[in-house]
Amino acid sequence: MTDLPAALDHAFTAPIGVDVKGELWSCVEMPGSAEFFGTKKAVRVDATIDGISLTSVGLTVTGRGGHMLSVSAKLRKQLGKGLGDLVTVHLSRRLT
């Protein structure tokens, strides 16, 4: 078991919008997340989305074995982006 928190330097680009049981949620799905984190449980991280800092945010499980990061209406407004728009997420630290 590694000591946490742990520094990360991982970035990915994905669209805002994850299909969850037929509904489009305002989230960004991280490709290969279960393998990257070594778990299918929720993980807390420090991250940025298009340069906007997010501290201690949760990557929740998608129900398909991956993880997704919620993008609130307030954050979408700050980004000037909506559902379907691409964002770049950079993970800088794993907290759990």
N, C-alpha and C. Protein backbone atom coordinates (compact mmCIF):
# COMPACT_ATOMS: atom_id res chain seq x y z
N MET A 1 0.85 -1.19 0.00
CA MET A 1 0.00 0.00 0.00
C MET A 1 0.89 1.24 0.00
N THR A 2 0.58 2.18 -0.89
CA THR A 2 1.36 3.40 -0.96
C THR A 2 0.85 4.41 0.06
N ASP A 3 1.75 5.27 0.50
CA ASP A 3 1.35 6.35 1.40
C ASP A 3 0.61 7.40 0.59
N LEU A 4 -0.47 7.90 1.12
CA LEU A 4 -1.25 8.94 0.44
C LEU A 4 -1.16 10.20 1.27
N PRO A 5 -1.28 11.40 0.73
CA PRO A 5 -1.50 11.70 -0.68
C PRO A 5 -0.26 11.42 -1.54
N ALA A 6 -0.50 11.20 -2.82
CA ALA A 6 0.56 10.89 -3.76
C ALA A 6 0.49 11.83 -4.95
N ALA A 7 1.64 12.35 -5.35
CA ALA A 7 1.70 13.24 -6.51
C ALA A 7 1.33 12.47 -7.78
N LEU A 8 0.60 13.14 -8.65
CA LEU A 8 0.24 12.58 -9.96
C LEU A 8 0.61 13.59 -11.03
N ASP A 9 0.80 13.12 -12.22
CA ASP A 9 0.98 13.99 -13.38
C ASP A 9 0.33 13.27 -14.55
N HIS A 10 -1.00 13.34 -14.58
CA HIS A 10 -1.76 12.61 -15.59
C HIS A 10 -2.82 13.54 -16.18
N ALA A 11 -2.83 13.63 -17.51
CA ALA A 11 -3.81 14.50 -18.18
C ALA A 11 -4.56 13.70 -19.24
N PHE A 12 -5.81 14.11 -19.47
CA PHE A 12 -6.61 13.52 -20.54
C PHE A 12 -7.61 14.56 -21.02
N THR A 13 -8.05 14.39 -22.25
CA THR A 13 -9.05 15.26 -22.84
C THR A 13 -10.27 14.42 -23.16
N ALA A 14 -11.44 14.91 -22.76
CA ALA A 14 -12.69 14.17 -22.96
C ALA A 14 -13.85 15.16 -23.01
N PRO A 15 -14.97 14.74 -23.58
CA PRO A 15 -16.14 15.63 -23.61
C PRO A 15 -16.87 15.66 -22.26
N ILE A 16 -17.52 16.78 -21.99
CA ILE A 16 -18.42 16.87 -20.85
C ILE A 16 -19.69 16.12 -21.25
N GLY A 17 -20.05 15.13 -20.46
CA GLY A 17 -21.26 14.35 -20.73
C GLY A 17 -20.99 12.87 -20.68
N VAL A 18 -21.53 12.22 -19.66
CA VAL A 18 -21.38 10.77 -19.49
C VAL A 18 -22.77 10.16 -19.43
N ASP A 19 -23.00 9.15 -20.25
CA ASP A 19 -24.29 8.45 -20.25
C ASP A 19 -24.35 7.53 -19.04
N VAL A 20 -25.29 7.83 -18.14
CA VAL A 20 -25.51 7.00 -16.95
C VAL A 20 -26.97 6.54 -16.99
N LYS A 21 -27.15 5.27 -17.31
CA LYS A 21 -28.49 4.67 -17.37
C LYS A 21 -29.44 5.48 -18.25
N GLY A 22 -28.96 5.90 -19.42
CA GLY A 22 -29.81 6.61 -20.37
C GLY A 22 -29.91 8.12 -20.16
N GLU A 23 -29.28 8.64 -19.10
CA GLU A 23 -29.29 10.09 -18.85
C GLU A 23 -27.88 10.63 -19.08
N LEU A 24 -27.78 11.82 -19.66
CA LEU A 24 -26.48 12.45 -19.88
C LEU A 24 -26.14 13.31 -18.66
N TRP A 25 -25.13 12.88 -17.92
CA TRP A 25 -24.70 13.59 -16.72
C TRP A 25 -23.59 14.57 -17.08
N SER A 26 -23.53 15.68 -16.35
CA SER A 26 -22.50 16.69 -16.57
C SER A 26 -21.21 16.28 -15.86
N CYS A 27 -20.54 15.31 -16.47
CA CYS A 27 -19.30 14.75 -15.92
C CYS A 27 -18.32 14.52 -17.07
N VAL A 28 -17.07 14.31 -16.72
CA VAL A 28 -16.03 13.94 -17.68
C VAL A 28 -15.52 12.57 -17.25
N GLU A 29 -15.53 11.61 -18.19
CA GLU A 29 -15.07 10.26 -17.89
C GLU A 29 -13.58 10.13 -18.16
N MET A 30 -12.87 9.53 -17.21
CA MET A 30 -11.42 9.33 -17.35
C MET A 30 -11.17 7.97 -18.01
N PRO A 31 -10.56 7.95 -19.18
CA PRO A 31 -10.25 6.68 -19.83
C PRO A 31 -9.23 5.86 -19.02
N GLY A 32 -9.47 4.56 -18.90
CA GLY A 32 -8.53 3.66 -18.23
C GLY A 32 -8.33 3.93 -16.76
N SER A 33 -9.31 4.55 -16.11
CA SER A 33 -9.14 4.99 -14.72
C SER A 33 -8.98 3.85 -13.72
N ALA A 34 -9.74 2.76 -13.89
CA ALA A 34 -9.66 1.65 -12.92
C ALA A 34 -8.25 1.06 -12.92
N GLU A 35 -7.66 0.93 -14.10
CA GLU A 35 -6.30 0.42 -14.20
C GLU A 35 -5.30 1.43 -13.63
N PHE A 36 -5.52 2.71 -13.94
CA PHE A 36 -4.61 3.77 -13.48
C PHE A 36 -4.57 3.83 -11.95
N PHE A 37 -5.76 3.82 -11.32
CA PHE A 37 -5.83 3.95 -9.86
C PHE A 37 -5.73 2.61 -9.14
N GLY A 38 -5.94 1.51 -9.86
CA GLY A 38 -5.89 0.20 -9.22
C GLY A 38 -7.09 -0.09 -8.35
N THR A 39 -8.21 0.58 -8.63
CA THR A 39 -9.44 0.37 -7.87
C THR A 39 -10.64 0.75 -8.72
N LYS A 40 -11.78 0.16 -8.38
CA LYS A 40 -13.04 0.53 -9.02
C LYS A 40 -13.91 1.32 -8.04
N LYS A 41 -13.30 1.75 -6.93
CA LYS A 41 -13.99 2.57 -5.93
C LYS A 41 -13.69 4.04 -6.18
N ALA A 42 -14.49 4.92 -5.58
CA ALA A 42 -14.30 6.36 -5.73
C ALA A 42 -12.92 6.78 -5.22
N VAL A 43 -12.37 7.82 -5.85
CA VAL A 43 -11.04 8.33 -5.53
C VAL A 43 -11.12 9.85 -5.41
N ARG A 44 -10.43 10.43 -4.43
CA ARG A 44 -10.36 11.89 -4.30
C ARG A 44 -9.02 12.38 -4.83
N VAL A 45 -9.08 13.49 -5.57
CA VAL A 45 -7.89 14.03 -6.21
C VAL A 45 -7.90 15.55 -6.17
N ASP A 46 -6.73 16.14 -6.40
CA ASP A 46 -6.61 17.54 -6.77
C ASP A 46 -6.42 17.54 -8.28
N ALA A 47 -7.09 18.46 -8.97
CA ALA A 47 -7.05 18.46 -10.42
C ALA A 47 -7.26 19.86 -10.96
N THR A 48 -7.08 19.99 -12.27
CA THR A 48 -7.50 21.20 -12.97
C THR A 48 -8.34 20.76 -14.17
N ILE A 49 -9.29 21.59 -14.54
CA ILE A 49 -10.04 21.40 -15.78
C ILE A 49 -9.81 22.66 -16.59
N ASP A 50 -9.16 22.51 -17.75
CA ASP A 50 -8.79 23.65 -18.59
C ASP A 50 -8.15 24.77 -17.76
N GLY A 51 -7.29 24.37 -16.80
CA GLY A 51 -6.53 25.33 -16.00
C GLY A 51 -7.21 25.83 -14.75
N ILE A 52 -8.49 25.50 -14.55
CA ILE A 52 -9.19 25.92 -13.34
C ILE A 52 -8.97 24.87 -12.25
N SER A 53 -8.41 25.30 -11.11
CA SER A 53 -8.05 24.38 -10.02
C SER A 53 -9.26 23.85 -9.28
N LEU A 54 -9.21 22.55 -8.99
CA LEU A 54 -10.22 21.88 -8.18
C LEU A 54 -9.48 21.14 -7.08
N THR A 55 -9.84 21.41 -5.82
CA THR A 55 -9.16 20.80 -4.69
C THR A 55 -10.06 19.75 -4.05
N SER A 56 -9.49 18.58 -3.80
CA SER A 56 -10.17 17.48 -3.13
C SER A 56 -11.53 17.17 -3.77
N VAL A 57 -11.50 16.88 -5.07
CA VAL A 57 -12.72 16.51 -5.78
C VAL A 57 -12.79 15.00 -5.93
N GLY A 58 -14.00 14.49 -6.00
CA GLY A 58 -14.20 13.06 -6.10
C GLY A 58 -14.35 12.59 -7.53
N LEU A 59 -13.61 11.54 -7.88
CA LEU A 59 -13.86 10.82 -9.11
C LEU A 59 -14.78 9.68 -8.71
N THR A 60 -16.03 9.75 -9.13
CA THR A 60 -17.01 8.73 -8.75
C THR A 60 -17.04 7.62 -9.80
N VAL A 61 -17.57 6.48 -9.40
CA VAL A 61 -17.61 5.34 -10.31
C VAL A 61 -18.74 5.52 -11.33
N THR A 62 -18.49 5.04 -12.54
CA THR A 62 -19.46 5.20 -13.63
C THR A 62 -20.51 4.10 -13.64
N GLY A 63 -20.22 2.98 -12.96
CA GLY A 63 -21.11 1.84 -13.03
C GLY A 63 -20.67 0.87 -14.12
N ARG A 64 -19.66 1.28 -14.90
CA ARG A 64 -19.12 0.42 -15.96
C ARG A 64 -17.65 0.10 -15.70
N GLY A 65 -17.20 0.35 -14.47
CA GLY A 65 -15.82 0.03 -14.12
C GLY A 65 -14.86 1.19 -14.23
N GLY A 66 -15.34 2.37 -14.60
CA GLY A 66 -14.48 3.54 -14.72
C GLY A 66 -14.83 4.61 -13.70
N HIS A 67 -14.23 5.77 -13.89
CA HIS A 67 -14.44 6.91 -12.99
C HIS A 67 -14.81 8.15 -13.80
N MET A 68 -15.58 9.05 -13.16
CA MET A 68 -15.96 10.30 -13.79
C MET A 68 -15.86 11.43 -12.79
N LEU A 69 -15.59 12.62 -13.32
CA LEU A 69 -15.45 13.83 -12.52
C LEU A 69 -16.62 14.75 -12.84
N SER A 70 -17.36 15.13 -11.83
CA SER A 70 -18.52 16.01 -12.02
C SER A 70 -18.07 17.42 -12.42
N VAL A 71 -18.81 18.02 -13.36
CA VAL A 71 -18.54 19.38 -13.81
C VAL A 71 -19.81 20.19 -13.53
N SER A 72 -19.80 20.96 -12.45
CA SER A 72 -20.98 21.71 -12.02
C SER A 72 -21.37 22.80 -13.02
N ALA A 73 -22.60 23.26 -12.91
CA ALA A 73 -23.08 24.35 -13.76
C ALA A 73 -22.20 25.59 -13.57
N LYS A 74 -21.81 25.88 -12.34
CA LYS A 74 -20.95 27.03 -12.05
C LYS A 74 -19.61 26.88 -12.76
N LEU A 75 -19.03 25.68 -12.70
CA LEU A 75 -17.74 25.43 -13.36
C LEU A 75 -17.89 25.49 -14.87
N ARG A 76 -18.97 24.94 -15.42
CA ARG A 76 -19.19 25.01 -16.87
C ARG A 76 -19.28 26.47 -17.32
N LYS A 77 -19.93 27.31 -16.50
CA LYS A 77 -20.04 28.74 -16.83
C LYS A 77 -18.65 29.39 -16.82
N GLN A 78 -17.83 29.06 -15.81
CA GLN A 78 -16.46 29.59 -15.75
C GLN A 78 -15.66 29.16 -16.98
N LEU A 79 -15.85 27.92 -17.40
CA LEU A 79 -15.13 27.38 -18.55
C LEU A 79 -15.68 27.90 -19.87
N GLY A 80 -16.94 28.36 -19.85
CA GLY A 80 -17.60 28.75 -21.09
C GLY A 80 -17.91 27.53 -21.96
N LYS A 81 -18.20 26.40 -21.30
CA LYS A 81 -18.43 25.15 -22.02
C LYS A 81 -19.70 24.48 -21.53
N GLY A 82 -20.24 23.62 -22.41
CA GLY A 82 -21.46 22.90 -22.08
C GLY A 82 -21.31 21.43 -22.42
N LEU A 83 -22.41 20.70 -22.31
CA LEU A 83 -22.41 19.28 -22.63
C LEU A 83 -21.91 19.05 -24.05
N GLY A 84 -21.04 18.09 -24.22
CA GLY A 84 -20.48 17.76 -25.53
C GLY A 84 -19.16 18.47 -25.83
N ASP A 85 -18.85 19.54 -25.10
CA ASP A 85 -17.59 20.27 -25.34
C ASP A 85 -16.42 19.53 -24.70
N LEU A 86 -15.27 19.57 -25.37
CA LEU A 86 -14.06 18.93 -24.84
C LEU A 86 -13.38 19.79 -23.79
N VAL A 87 -12.87 19.13 -22.76
CA VAL A 87 -12.06 19.78 -21.72
C VAL A 87 -10.82 18.92 -21.47
N THR A 88 -9.77 19.56 -20.98
CA THR A 88 -8.57 18.83 -20.60
C THR A 88 -8.48 18.82 -19.08
N VAL A 89 -8.39 17.62 -18.54
CA VAL A 89 -8.30 17.41 -17.09
C VAL A 89 -6.88 17.01 -16.76
N HIS A 90 -6.29 17.65 -15.76
CA HIS A 90 -4.96 17.28 -15.28
C HIS A 90 -5.07 16.91 -13.81
N LEU A 91 -4.68 15.68 -13.49
CA LEU A 91 -4.69 15.21 -12.10
C LEU A 91 -3.31 15.45 -11.52
N SER A 92 -3.26 16.18 -10.38
CA SER A 92 -1.97 16.53 -9.79
C SER A 92 -1.67 15.80 -8.49
N ARG A 93 -2.72 15.32 -7.80
CA ARG A 93 -2.46 14.64 -6.53
C ARG A 93 -3.62 13.72 -6.19
N ARG A 94 -3.29 12.51 -5.75
CA ARG A 94 -4.31 11.56 -5.26
C ARG A 94 -4.37 11.68 -3.76
N LEU A 95 -5.60 11.85 -3.24
CA LEU A 95 -5.79 12.05 -1.80
C LEU A 95 -6.29 10.79 -1.11
N THR A 96 -6.99 9.92 -1.83
CA THR A 96 -7.46 8.65 -1.24
C THR A 96 -7.17 7.50 -2.18
